Amino acid sequence: MLGFLQSAAGYGMAQALGQLARGLERSLSTFDVYEDDGRDPADSVAHAVNALTDAADLLQHVGPLLDNAQAAISRQGYRTQGQDAG
């Protein structure tokens, strides 16, 4: 379970947010982007990119923390009721 979280929530999510931010920036030159209220779409994309970048930066800390959690329990096993220890 921790391995999945390490990949998805830590490293993978940070990478996905970076890709989303770059895609939003590219969309301004690729498409005729507009805002319903007449504002400049570049302003809202810049705000979104800043928020996504901040989130990705925070997620960069999640991966190593999950690595530490995994390492802390990596030598554990379990026995069912009635199973011998040896």
PDB file of N, CA and C in Angstrom:
ATOM      1  N   MET A   1       0.819  -1.196   0.000  1.00  0.00           N
ATOM      2  CA  MET A   1       0.000   0.000   0.000  1.00  0.00           C
ATOM      3  C   MET A   1       0.863   1.260   0.000  1.00  0.00           C
ATOM      4  N   LEU A   2       1.917   1.263   0.829  1.00  0.00           N
ATOM      5  CA  LEU A   2       2.790   2.433   0.845  1.00  0.00           C
ATOM      6  C   LEU A   2       3.477   2.635  -0.498  1.00  0.00           C
ATOM      7  N   GLY A   3       3.843   1.539  -1.152  1.00  0.00           N
ATOM      8  CA  GLY A   3       4.475   1.657  -2.462  1.00  0.00           C
ATOM      9  C   GLY A   3       3.575   2.352  -3.464  1.00  0.00           C
ATOM     10  N   PHE A   4       2.286   2.015  -3.437  1.00  0.00           N
ATOM     11  CA  PHE A   4       1.322   2.672  -4.319  1.00  0.00           C
ATOM     12  C   PHE A   4       1.235   4.159  -3.987  1.00  0.00           C
ATOM     13  N   LEU A   5       1.157   4.483  -2.699  1.00  0.00           N
ATOM     14  CA  LEU A   5       1.070   5.880  -2.299  1.00  0.00           C
ATOM     15  C   LEU A   5       2.328   6.653  -2.675  1.00  0.00           C
ATOM     16  N   GLN A   6       3.485   5.998  -2.538  1.00  0.00           N
ATOM     17  CA  GLN A   6       4.732   6.653  -2.924  1.00  0.00           C
ATOM     18  C   GLN A   6       4.689   7.051  -4.385  1.00  0.00           C
ATOM     19  N   SER A   7       4.248   6.138  -5.208  1.00  0.00           N
ATOM     20  CA  SER A   7       4.217   6.375  -6.643  1.00  0.00           C
ATOM     21  C   SER A   7       3.123   7.365  -7.028  1.00  0.00           C
ATOM     22  N   ALA A   8       1.920   7.132  -6.546  1.00  0.00           N
ATOM     23  CA  ALA A   8       0.776   7.935  -6.970  1.00  0.00           C
ATOM     24  C   ALA A   8       0.721   9.290  -6.279  1.00  0.00           C
ATOM     25  N   ALA A   9       0.749   9.290  -4.969  1.00  0.00           N
ATOM     26  CA  ALA A   9       0.541  10.531  -4.236  1.00  0.00           C
ATOM     27  C   ALA A   9       1.798  11.372  -4.133  1.00  0.00           C
ATOM     28  N   GLY A  10       2.934  10.753  -4.099  1.00  0.00           N
ATOM     29  CA  GLY A  10       4.165  11.517  -3.945  1.00  0.00           C
ATOM     30  C   GLY A  10       4.740  11.952  -5.261  1.00  0.00           C
ATOM     31  N   TYR A  11       5.521  11.075  -5.850  1.00  0.00           N
ATOM     32  CA  TYR A  11       6.261  11.417  -7.058  1.00  0.00           C
ATOM     33  C   TYR A  11       5.353  11.577  -8.280  1.00  0.00           C
ATOM     34  N   GLY A  12       4.406  10.676  -8.449  1.00  0.00           N
ATOM     35  CA  GLY A  12       3.543  10.705  -9.630  1.00  0.00           C
ATOM     36  C   GLY A  12       2.659  11.928  -9.692  1.00  0.00           C
ATOM     37  N   MET A  13       2.081  12.304  -8.559  1.00  0.00           N
ATOM     38  CA  MET A  13       1.188  13.455  -8.528  1.00  0.00           C
ATOM     39  C   MET A  13       1.952  14.749  -8.794  1.00  0.00           C
ATOM     40  N   ALA A  14       3.146  14.867  -8.243  1.00  0.00           N
ATOM     41  CA  ALA A  14       3.953  16.062  -8.496  1.00  0.00           C
ATOM     42  C   ALA A  14       4.266  16.185  -9.982  1.00  0.00           C
ATOM     43  N   GLN A  15       4.601  15.074 -10.609  1.00  0.00           N
ATOM     44  CA  GLN A  15       4.892  15.081 -12.047  1.00  0.00           C
ATOM     45  C   GLN A  15       3.642  15.456 -12.839  1.00  0.00           C
ATOM     46  N   ALA A  16       2.501  14.904 -12.467  1.00  0.00           N
ATOM     47  CA  ALA A  16       1.252  15.202 -13.178  1.00  0.00           C
ATOM     48  C   ALA A  16       0.881  16.681 -13.056  1.00  0.00           C
ATOM     49  N   LEU A  17       1.086  17.261 -11.886  1.00  0.00           N
ATOM     50  CA  LEU A  17       0.774  18.680 -11.710  1.00  0.00           C
ATOM     51  C   LEU A  17       1.687  19.546 -12.572  1.00  0.00           C
ATOM     52  N   GLY A  18       2.952  19.165 -12.679  1.00  0.00           N
ATOM     53  CA  GLY A  18       3.873  19.896 -13.550  1.00  0.00           C
ATOM     54  C   GLY A  18       3.448  19.817 -15.004  1.00  0.00           C
ATOM     55  N   GLN A  19       3.020  18.649 -15.426  1.00  0.00           N
ATOM     56  CA  GLN A  19       2.562  18.482 -16.806  1.00  0.00           C
ATOM     57  C   GLN A  19       1.299  19.293 -17.061  1.00  0.00           C
ATOM     58  N   LEU A  20       0.410  19.317 -16.090  1.00  0.00           N
ATOM     59  CA  LEU A  20      -0.818  20.102 -16.229  1.00  0.00           C
ATOM     60  C   LEU A  20      -0.493  21.590 -16.351  1.00  0.00           C
ATOM     61  N   ALA A  21       0.430  22.060 -15.525  1.00  0.00           N
ATOM     62  CA  ALA A  21       0.823  23.469 -15.586  1.00  0.00           C
ATOM     63  C   ALA A  21       1.399  23.820 -16.959  1.00  0.00           C
ATOM     64  N   ARG A  22       2.283  22.965 -17.464  1.00  0.00           N
ATOM     65  CA  ARG A  22       2.866  23.226 -18.792  1.00  0.00           C
ATOM     66  C   ARG A  22       1.792  23.179 -19.880  1.00  0.00           C
ATOM     67  N   GLY A  23       0.834  22.279 -19.750  1.00  0.00           N
ATOM     68  CA  GLY A  23      -0.254  22.199 -20.724  1.00  0.00           C
ATOM     69  C   GLY A  23      -1.121  23.445 -20.717  1.00  0.00           C
ATOM     70  N   LEU A  24      -1.386  23.975 -19.536  1.00  0.00           N
ATOM     71  CA  LEU A  24      -2.164  25.215 -19.455  1.00  0.00           C
ATOM     72  C   LEU A  24      -1.429  26.363 -20.136  1.00  0.00           C
ATOM     73  N   GLU A  25      -0.136  26.441 -19.916  1.00  0.00           N
ATOM     74  CA  GLU A  25       0.648  27.502 -20.556  1.00  0.00           C
ATOM     75  C   GLU A  25       0.645  27.351 -22.074  1.00  0.00           C
ATOM     76  N   ARG A  26       0.795  26.120 -22.552  1.00  0.00           N
ATOM     77  CA  ARG A  26       0.786  25.878 -24.009  1.00  0.00           C
ATOM     78  C   ARG A  26      -0.579  26.186 -24.610  1.00  0.00           C
ATOM     79  N   SER A  27      -1.639  25.969 -23.839  1.00  0.00           N
ATOM     80  CA  SER A  27      -2.985  26.182 -24.376  1.00  0.00           C
ATOM     81  C   SER A  27      -3.203  27.624 -24.803  1.00  0.00           C
ATOM     82  N   LEU A  28      -2.508  28.552 -24.158  1.00  0.00           N
ATOM     83  CA  LEU A  28      -2.684  29.969 -24.508  1.00  0.00           C
ATOM     84  C   LEU A  28      -2.198  30.278 -25.920  1.00  0.00           C
ATOM     85  N   SER A  29      -1.185  29.561 -26.392  1.00  0.00           N
ATOM     86  CA  SER A  29      -0.682  29.814 -27.744  1.00  0.00           C
ATOM     87  C   SER A  29      -1.271  28.844 -28.762  1.00  0.00           C
ATOM     88  N   THR A  30      -1.906  27.774 -28.278  1.00  0.00           N
ATOM     89  CA  THR A  30      -2.448  26.763 -29.176  1.00  0.00           C
ATOM     90  C   THR A  30      -3.926  26.996 -29.498  1.00  0.00           C
ATOM     91  N   PHE A  31      -4.670  27.487 -28.512  1.00  0.00           N
ATOM     92  CA  PHE A  31      -6.117  27.658 -28.652  1.00  0.00           C
ATOM     93  C   PHE A  31      -6.513  29.117 -28.478  1.00  0.00           C
ATOM     94  N   ASP A  32      -7.714  29.425 -28.904  1.00  0.00           N
ATOM     95  CA  ASP A  32      -8.283  30.757 -28.689  1.00  0.00           C
ATOM     96  C   ASP A  32      -8.978  30.736 -27.323  1.00  0.00           C
ATOM     97  N   VAL A  33      -8.182  30.888 -26.276  1.00  0.00           N
ATOM     98  CA  VAL A  33      -8.681  30.811 -24.901  1.00  0.00           C
ATOM     99  C   VAL A  33      -9.296  32.153 -24.524  1.00  0.00           C
ATOM    100  N   TYR A  34     -10.434  32.107 -23.840  1.00  0.00           N
ATOM    101  CA  TYR A  34     -11.083  33.338 -23.383  1.00  0.00           C
ATOM    102  C   TYR A  34     -11.677  33.110 -22.005  1.00  0.00           C
ATOM    103  N   GLU A  35     -11.971  34.205 -21.330  1.00  0.00           N
ATOM    104  CA  GLU A  35     -12.648  34.175 -20.036  1.00  0.00           C
ATOM    105  C   GLU A  35     -14.075  34.687 -20.245  1.00  0.00           C
ATOM    106  N   ASP A  36     -15.022  34.054 -19.609  1.00  0.00           N
ATOM    107  CA  ASP A  36     -16.428  34.458 -19.746  1.00  0.00           C
ATOM    108  C   ASP A  36     -16.671  35.909 -19.320  1.00  0.00           C
ATOM    109  N   ASP A  37     -15.887  36.386 -18.367  1.00  0.00           N
ATOM    110  CA  ASP A  37     -16.108  37.740 -17.864  1.00  0.00           C
ATOM    111  C   ASP A  37     -15.210  38.779 -18.537  1.00  0.00           C
ATOM    112  N   GLY A  38     -14.484  38.378 -19.577  1.00  0.00           N
ATOM    113  CA  GLY A  38     -13.678  39.320 -20.340  1.00  0.00           C
ATOM    114  C   GLY A  38     -12.273  39.546 -19.800  1.00  0.00           C
ATOM    115  N   ARG A  39     -11.925  38.916 -18.686  1.00  0.00           N
ATOM    116  CA  ARG A  39     -10.567  39.083 -18.160  1.00  0.00           C
ATOM    117  C   ARG A  39      -9.551  38.426 -19.091  1.00  0.00           C
ATOM    118  N   ASP A  40      -8.303  38.732 -18.869  1.00  0.00           N
ATOM    119  CA  ASP A  40      -7.214  38.162 -19.661  1.00  0.00           C
ATOM    120  C   ASP A  40      -6.973  36.716 -19.208  1.00  0.00           C
ATOM    121  N   PRO A  41      -7.129  35.733 -20.105  1.00  0.00           N
ATOM    122  CA  PRO A  41      -6.917  34.337 -19.714  1.00  0.00           C
ATOM    123  C   PRO A  41      -5.486  34.055 -19.251  1.00  0.00           C
ATOM    124  N   ALA A  42      -4.527  34.845 -19.723  1.00  0.00           N
ATOM    125  CA  ALA A  42      -3.143  34.645 -19.289  1.00  0.00           C
ATOM    126  C   ALA A  42      -3.008  34.873 -17.786  1.00  0.00           C
ATOM    127  N   ASP A  43      -3.809  35.785 -17.228  1.00  0.00           N
ATOM    128  CA  ASP A  43      -3.761  36.030 -15.786  1.00  0.00           C
ATOM    129  C   ASP A  43      -4.259  34.825 -14.995  1.00  0.00           C
ATOM    130  N   SER A  44      -5.362  34.240 -15.437  1.00  0.00           N
ATOM    131  CA  SER A  44      -5.892  33.084 -14.708  1.00  0.00           C
ATOM    132  C   SER A  44      -4.993  31.866 -14.873  1.00  0.00           C
ATOM    133  N   VAL A  45      -4.385  31.714 -16.056  1.00  0.00           N
ATOM    134  CA  VAL A  45      -3.447  30.599 -16.259  1.00  0.00           C
ATOM    135  C   VAL A  45      -2.217  30.800 -15.374  1.00  0.00           C
ATOM    136  N   ALA A  46      -1.719  32.025 -15.294  1.00  0.00           N
ATOM    137  CA  ALA A  46      -0.560  32.287 -14.430  1.00  0.00           C
ATOM    138  C   ALA A  46      -0.885  31.972 -12.977  1.00  0.00           C
ATOM    139  N   HIS A  47      -2.077  32.341 -12.527  1.00  0.00           N
ATOM    140  CA  HIS A  47      -2.482  32.037 -11.159  1.00  0.00           C
ATOM    141  C   HIS A  47      -2.583  30.518 -10.947  1.00  0.00           C
ATOM    142  N   ALA A  48      -3.171  29.827 -11.898  1.00  0.00           N
ATOM    143  CA  ALA A  48      -3.294  28.366 -11.796  1.00  0.00           C
ATOM    144  C   ALA A  48      -1.922  27.698 -11.806  1.00  0.00           C
ATOM    145  N   VAL A  49      -1.035  28.154 -12.671  1.00  0.00           N
ATOM    146  CA  VAL A  49       0.310  27.576 -12.750  1.00  0.00           C
ATOM    147  C   VAL A  49       1.056  27.788 -11.436  1.00  0.00           C
ATOM    148  N   ASN A  50       0.922  28.975 -10.849  1.00  0.00           N
ATOM    149  CA  ASN A  50       1.567  29.226  -9.557  1.00  0.00           C
ATOM    150  C   ASN A  50       1.039  28.278  -8.485  1.00  0.00           C
ATOM    151  N   ALA A  51      -0.277  28.085  -8.449  1.00  0.00           N
ATOM    152  CA  ALA A  51      -0.876  27.185  -7.456  1.00  0.00           C
ATOM    153  C   ALA A  51      -0.445  25.740  -7.697  1.00  0.00           C
ATOM    154  N   LEU A  52      -0.426  25.314  -8.958  1.00  0.00           N
ATOM    155  CA  LEU A  52      -0.004  23.954  -9.280  1.00  0.00           C
ATOM    156  C   LEU A  52       1.473  23.740  -8.947  1.00  0.00           C
ATOM    157  N   THR A  53       2.286  24.733  -9.190  1.00  0.00           N
ATOM    158  CA  THR A  53       3.714  24.643  -8.871  1.00  0.00           C
ATOM    159  C   THR A  53       3.917  24.536  -7.364  1.00  0.00           C
ATOM    160  N   ASP A  54       3.186  25.345  -6.593  1.00  0.00           N
ATOM    161  CA  ASP A  54       3.272  25.264  -5.129  1.00  0.00           C
ATOM    162  C   ASP A  54       2.845  23.882  -4.642  1.00  0.00           C
ATOM    163  N   ALA A  55       1.765  23.357  -5.210  1.00  0.00           N
ATOM    164  CA  ALA A  55       1.290  22.024  -4.818  1.00  0.00           C
ATOM    165  C   ALA A  55       2.315  20.952  -5.171  1.00  0.00           C
ATOM    166  N   ALA A  56       2.912  21.055  -6.354  1.00  0.00           N
ATOM    167  CA  ALA A  56       3.934  20.083  -6.769  1.00  0.00           C
ATOM    168  C   ALA A  56       5.149  20.155  -5.857  1.00  0.00           C
ATOM    169  N   ASP A  57       5.526  21.370  -5.458  1.00  0.00           N
ATOM    170  CA  ASP A  57       6.657  21.523  -4.538  1.00  0.00           C
ATOM    171  C   ASP A  57       6.378  20.829  -3.204  1.00  0.00           C
ATOM    172  N   LEU A  58       5.169  20.987  -2.699  1.00  0.00           N
ATOM    173  CA  LEU A  58       4.802  20.317  -1.445  1.00  0.00           C
ATOM    174  C   LEU A  58       4.805  18.801  -1.610  1.00  0.00           C
ATOM    175  N   LEU A  59       4.317  18.328  -2.736  1.00  0.00           N
ATOM    176  CA  LEU A  59       4.277  16.884  -2.973  1.00  0.00           C
ATOM    177  C   LEU A  59       5.673  16.286  -3.109  1.00  0.00           C
ATOM    178  N   GLN A  60       6.649  17.084  -3.473  1.00  0.00           N
ATOM    179  CA  GLN A  60       8.026  16.577  -3.548  1.00  0.00           C
ATOM    180  C   GLN A  60       8.512  16.117  -2.179  1.00  0.00           C
ATOM    181  N   HIS A  61       7.892  16.627  -1.123  1.00  0.00           N
ATOM    182  CA  HIS A  61       8.247  16.209   0.247  1.00  0.00           C
ATOM    183  C   HIS A  61       7.517  14.932   0.646  1.00  0.00           C
ATOM    184  N   VAL A  62       6.394  14.650   0.015  1.00  0.00           N
ATOM    185  CA  VAL A  62       5.582  13.490   0.374  1.00  0.00           C
ATOM    186  C   VAL A  62       6.298  12.188   0.004  1.00  0.00           C
ATOM    187  N   GLY A  63       6.873  12.119  -1.170  1.00  0.00           N
ATOM    188  CA  GLY A  63       7.556  10.904  -1.609  1.00  0.00           C
ATOM    189  C   GLY A  63       8.622  10.439  -0.633  1.00  0.00           C
ATOM    190  N   PRO A  64       9.566  11.313  -0.262  1.00  0.00           N
ATOM    191  CA  PRO A  64      10.587  10.893   0.702  1.00  0.00           C
ATOM    192  C   PRO A  64      10.015  10.513   2.066  1.00  0.00           C
ATOM    193  N   LEU A  65       8.968  11.191   2.505  1.00  0.00           N
ATOM    194  CA  LEU A  65       8.351  10.829   3.780  1.00  0.00           C
ATOM    195  C   LEU A  65       7.743   9.436   3.715  1.00  0.00           C
ATOM    196  N   LEU A  66       7.115   9.118   2.591  1.00  0.00           N
ATOM    197  CA  LEU A  66       6.552   7.777   2.427  1.00  0.00           C
ATOM    198  C   LEU A  66       7.665   6.738   2.286  1.00  0.00           C
ATOM    199  N   ASP A  67       8.776   7.121   1.651  1.00  0.00           N
ATOM    200  CA  ASP A  67       9.942   6.232   1.607  1.00  0.00           C
ATOM    201  C   ASP A  67      10.409   5.896   3.020  1.00  0.00           C
ATOM    202  N   ASN A  68      10.468   6.916   3.883  1.00  0.00           N
ATOM    203  CA  ASN A  68      10.887   6.705   5.264  1.00  0.00           C
ATOM    204  C   ASN A  68       9.928   5.791   6.012  1.00  0.00           C
ATOM    205  N   ALA A  69       8.639   5.982   5.789  1.00  0.00           N
ATOM    206  CA  ALA A  69       7.641   5.127   6.440  1.00  0.00           C
ATOM    207  C   ALA A  69       7.803   3.679   5.977  1.00  0.00           C
ATOM    208  N   GLN A  70       8.012   3.479   4.687  1.00  0.00           N
ATOM    209  CA  GLN A  70       8.196   2.136   4.143  1.00  0.00           C
ATOM    210  C   GLN A  70       9.448   1.493   4.722  1.00  0.00           C
ATOM    211  N   ALA A  71      10.525   2.251   4.792  1.00  0.00           N
ATOM    212  CA  ALA A  71      11.774   1.716   5.332  1.00  0.00           C
ATOM    213  C   ALA A  71      11.616   1.320   6.804  1.00  0.00           C
ATOM    214  N   ALA A  72      10.829   2.086   7.544  1.00  0.00           N
ATOM    215  CA  ALA A  72      10.643   1.812   8.967  1.00  0.00           C
ATOM    216  C   ALA A  72       9.962   0.473   9.222  1.00  0.00           C
ATOM    217  N   ILE A  73       9.113   0.039   8.303  1.00  0.00           N
ATOM    218  CA  ILE A  73       8.368  -1.214   8.520  1.00  0.00           C
ATOM    219  C   ILE A  73       8.767  -2.311   7.537  1.00  0.00           C
ATOM    220  N   SER A  74       9.828  -2.103   6.782  1.00  0.00           N
ATOM    221  CA  SER A  74      10.175  -3.019   5.692  1.00  0.00           C
ATOM    222  C   SER A  74      10.547  -4.423   6.160  1.00  0.00           C
ATOM    223  N   ARG A  75      10.959  -4.585   7.396  1.00  0.00           N
ATOM    224  CA  ARG A  75      11.369  -5.900   7.882  1.00  0.00           C
ATOM    225  C   ARG A  75      10.252  -6.590   8.668  1.00  0.00           C
ATOM    226  N   GLN A  76       9.081  -6.014   8.684  1.00  0.00           N
ATOM    227  CA  GLN A  76       7.968  -6.605   9.421  1.00  0.00           C
ATOM    228  C   GLN A  76       7.304  -7.712   8.625  1.00  0.00           C
ATOM    229  N   GLY A  77       6.749  -8.653   9.361  1.00  0.00           N
ATOM    230  CA  GLY A  77       5.910  -9.705   8.803  1.00  0.00           C
ATOM    231  C   GLY A  77       4.744  -9.897   9.769  1.00  0.00           C
ATOM    232  N   TYR A  78       3.943 -10.905   9.529  1.00  0.00           N
ATOM    233  CA  TYR A  78       2.856 -11.183  10.456  1.00  0.00           C
ATOM    234  C   TYR A  78       2.538 -12.664  10.438  1.00  0.00           C
ATOM    235  N   ARG A  79       1.935 -13.096  11.505  1.00  0.00           N
ATOM    236  CA  ARG A  79       1.464 -14.475  11.631  1.00  0.00           C
ATOM    237  C   ARG A  79      -0.017 -14.442  11.942  1.00  0.00           C
ATOM    238  N   THR A  80      -0.715 -15.425  11.442  1.00  0.00           N
ATOM    239  CA  THR A  80      -2.119 -15.567  11.782  1.00  0.00           C
ATOM    240  C   THR A  80      -2.252 -16.251  13.134  1.00  0.00           C
ATOM    241  N   GLN A  81      -3.396 -16.192  13.724  1.00  0.00           N
ATOM    242  CA  GLN A  81      -3.641 -16.850  15.016  1.00  0.00           C
ATOM    243  C   GLN A  81      -3.280 -18.314  14.922  1.00  0.00           C
ATOM    244  N   GLY A  82      -2.517 -18.816  15.914  1.00  0.00           N
ATOM    245  CA  GLY A  82      -2.173 -20.211  15.971  1.00  0.00           C
ATOM    246  C   GLY A  82      -0.970 -20.623  15.138  1.00  0.00           C
ATOM    247  N   GLN A  83      -0.391 -19.714  14.387  1.00  0.00           N
ATOM    248  CA  GLN A  83       0.768 -20.036  13.553  1.00  0.00           C
ATOM    249  C   GLN A  83       2.029 -19.972  14.406  1.00  0.00           C
ATOM    250  N   ASP A  84       2.943 -20.932  14.208  1.00  0.00           N
ATOM    251  CA  ASP A  84       4.194 -20.965  14.961  1.00  0.00           C
ATOM    252  C   ASP A  84       5.083 -19.785  14.602  1.00  0.00           C
ATOM    253  N   ALA A  85       5.895 -19.366  15.562  1.00  0.00           N
ATOM    254  CA  ALA A  85       6.838 -18.273  15.337  1.00  0.00           C
ATOM    255  C   ALA A  85       8.026 -18.702  14.505  1.00  0.00           C
ATOM    256  N   GLY A  86       8.341 -19.971  14.441  1.00  0.00           N
ATOM    257  CA  GLY A  86       9.539 -20.427  13.748  1.00  0.00           C
ATOM    258  C   GLY A  86       9.217 -21.067  12.478  1.00  0.00           C
TER     259      GLY A  86
END
